[in-house]
Amino acid sequence: MLVIVAADFGLLFSAGVFNPSFTTYRMAATPHAFMSRVGTSWSVGANRARPSS
């Protein structure tokens, strides 16, 4: 049970660190003129990839 809890914690912690750092990288790598397009497409893609409830 401890292994499962530790694995879940590790996955959640890694996702919590990865998402904001990747967003920062994506914003820095995208030209300012295209930022609204990139943000919109990322939001649509994230919502489509999420399982429906």
N, C-alpha and C. Protein backbone atom coordinates (compact mmCIF):
# COMPACT_ATOMS: atom_id res chain seq x y z
N MET A 1 0.82 -1.19 0.00
CA MET A 1 0.00 0.00 0.00
C MET A 1 0.87 1.26 0.00
N LEU A 2 1.95 1.20 0.72
CA LEU A 2 2.85 2.36 0.79
C LEU A 2 3.47 2.65 -0.58
N VAL A 3 3.75 1.62 -1.33
CA VAL A 3 4.32 1.81 -2.67
C VAL A 3 3.32 2.51 -3.58
N ILE A 4 2.05 2.14 -3.49
CA ILE A 4 1.02 2.76 -4.32
C ILE A 4 0.84 4.22 -3.95
N VAL A 5 0.80 4.51 -2.67
CA VAL A 5 0.66 5.89 -2.21
C VAL A 5 1.87 6.72 -2.66
N ALA A 6 3.06 6.16 -2.52
CA ALA A 6 4.27 6.89 -2.94
C ALA A 6 4.28 7.11 -4.45
N ALA A 7 3.85 6.11 -5.22
CA ALA A 7 3.80 6.26 -6.68
C ALA A 7 2.78 7.32 -7.08
N ASP A 8 1.61 7.31 -6.46
CA ASP A 8 0.59 8.32 -6.75
C ASP A 8 1.09 9.72 -6.40
N PHE A 9 1.72 9.84 -5.25
CA PHE A 9 2.26 11.13 -4.85
C PHE A 9 3.32 11.60 -5.84
N GLY A 10 4.19 10.69 -6.26
CA GLY A 10 5.24 11.05 -7.21
C GLY A 10 4.67 11.51 -8.55
N LEU A 11 3.66 10.82 -9.03
CA LEU A 11 3.04 11.20 -10.30
C LEU A 11 2.35 12.57 -10.19
N LEU A 12 1.61 12.78 -9.13
CA LEU A 12 0.93 14.07 -8.96
C LEU A 12 1.93 15.21 -8.77
N PHE A 13 2.97 14.95 -8.01
CA PHE A 13 4.00 15.97 -7.79
C PHE A 13 4.71 16.31 -9.11
N SER A 14 5.04 15.28 -9.88
CA SER A 14 5.72 15.50 -11.17
C SER A 14 4.83 16.29 -12.13
N ALA A 15 3.55 15.95 -12.18
CA ALA A 15 2.63 16.69 -13.05
C ALA A 15 2.49 18.13 -12.57
N GLY A 16 2.47 18.33 -11.27
CA GLY A 16 2.36 19.68 -10.72
C GLY A 16 3.58 20.53 -11.01
N VAL A 17 4.74 19.93 -11.12
CA VAL A 17 5.96 20.67 -11.45
C VAL A 17 6.09 20.85 -12.96
N PHE A 18 5.73 19.83 -13.73
CA PHE A 18 5.91 19.86 -15.18
C PHE A 18 4.98 20.87 -15.85
N ASN A 19 3.72 20.89 -15.50
CA ASN A 19 2.75 21.73 -16.20
C ASN A 19 3.10 23.21 -16.17
N PRO A 20 3.36 23.82 -15.02
CA PRO A 20 3.70 25.24 -15.04
C PRO A 20 5.05 25.53 -15.72
N SER A 21 6.01 24.63 -15.55
CA SER A 21 7.31 24.88 -16.18
C SER A 21 7.21 24.75 -17.70
N PHE A 22 6.42 23.80 -18.19
CA PHE A 22 6.25 23.66 -19.63
C PHE A 22 5.45 24.83 -20.20
N THR A 23 4.48 25.32 -19.46
CA THR A 23 3.72 26.50 -19.90
C THR A 23 4.63 27.71 -20.01
N THR A 24 5.52 27.88 -19.06
CA THR A 24 6.47 28.99 -19.11
C THR A 24 7.39 28.86 -20.32
N TYR A 25 7.88 27.66 -20.58
CA TYR A 25 8.72 27.43 -21.75
C TYR A 25 7.96 27.71 -23.03
N ARG A 26 6.74 27.23 -23.11
CA ARG A 26 5.92 27.42 -24.32
C ARG A 26 5.68 28.90 -24.57
N MET A 27 5.41 29.66 -23.52
CA MET A 27 5.17 31.09 -23.68
C MET A 27 6.45 31.81 -24.11
N ALA A 28 7.59 31.38 -23.60
CA ALA A 28 8.86 32.02 -23.97
C ALA A 28 9.27 31.66 -25.39
N ALA A 29 8.91 30.47 -25.86
CA ALA A 29 9.33 30.02 -27.19
C ALA A 29 8.39 30.49 -28.30
N THR A 30 7.20 30.98 -27.94
CA THR A 30 6.22 31.39 -28.93
C THR A 30 6.35 32.89 -29.18
N PRO A 31 6.40 33.31 -30.44
CA PRO A 31 6.40 34.75 -30.72
C PRO A 31 5.12 35.41 -30.17
N HIS A 32 5.26 36.64 -29.75
CA HIS A 32 4.15 37.35 -29.11
C HIS A 32 2.92 37.42 -30.02
N ALA A 33 3.13 37.55 -31.32
CA ALA A 33 2.01 37.69 -32.26
C ALA A 33 1.16 36.42 -32.33
N PHE A 34 1.72 35.28 -31.97
CA PHE A 34 0.98 34.02 -32.07
C PHE A 34 0.52 33.48 -30.72
N MET A 35 0.76 34.23 -29.64
CA MET A 35 0.47 33.71 -28.32
C MET A 35 -1.00 33.40 -28.11
N SER A 36 -1.91 34.23 -28.61
CA SER A 36 -3.33 33.96 -28.41
C SER A 36 -3.75 32.70 -29.16
N ARG A 37 -3.20 32.47 -30.34
CA ARG A 37 -3.52 31.26 -31.09
C ARG A 37 -3.00 30.01 -30.37
N VAL A 38 -1.79 30.10 -29.87
CA VAL A 38 -1.20 28.96 -29.18
C VAL A 38 -1.97 28.66 -27.90
N GLY A 39 -2.32 29.70 -27.15
CA GLY A 39 -3.08 29.51 -25.92
C GLY A 39 -4.45 28.91 -26.17
N THR A 40 -5.12 29.38 -27.22
CA THR A 40 -6.44 28.84 -27.55
C THR A 40 -6.35 27.39 -27.99
N SER A 41 -5.40 27.08 -28.87
CA SER A 41 -5.28 25.70 -29.34
C SER A 41 -4.87 24.76 -28.20
N TRP A 42 -4.02 25.23 -27.29
CA TRP A 42 -3.62 24.41 -26.16
C TRP A 42 -4.82 24.13 -25.25
N SER A 43 -5.65 25.15 -25.04
CA SER A 43 -6.83 24.99 -24.20
C SER A 43 -7.83 24.02 -24.82
N VAL A 44 -8.07 24.16 -26.12
CA VAL A 44 -8.99 23.25 -26.81
C VAL A 44 -8.45 21.83 -26.77
N GLY A 45 -7.17 21.66 -27.03
CA GLY A 45 -6.58 20.32 -27.01
C GLY A 45 -6.64 19.70 -25.62
N ALA A 46 -6.41 20.47 -24.60
CA ALA A 46 -6.46 19.95 -23.24
C ALA A 46 -7.87 19.54 -22.86
N ASN A 47 -8.85 20.32 -23.29
CA ASN A 47 -10.24 19.98 -22.98
C ASN A 47 -10.71 18.77 -23.76
N ARG A 48 -10.23 18.60 -24.97
CA ARG A 48 -10.62 17.44 -25.77
C ARG A 48 -9.94 16.16 -25.27
N ALA A 49 -8.78 16.27 -24.71
CA ALA A 49 -8.05 15.10 -24.23
C ALA A 49 -8.56 14.62 -22.87
N ARG A 50 -9.25 15.50 -22.17
CA ARG A 50 -9.76 15.16 -20.84
C ARG A 50 -10.91 14.16 -20.98
N PRO A 51 -10.96 13.15 -20.13
CA PRO A 51 -12.07 12.20 -20.22
C PRO A 51 -13.39 12.88 -19.87
N SER A 52 -14.43 12.50 -20.57
CA SER A 52 -15.74 13.11 -20.30
C SER A 52 -16.32 12.51 -19.03
N SER A 53 -17.07 13.33 -18.34
CA SER A 53 -17.65 12.85 -17.09
C SER A 53 -19.14 12.64 -17.21
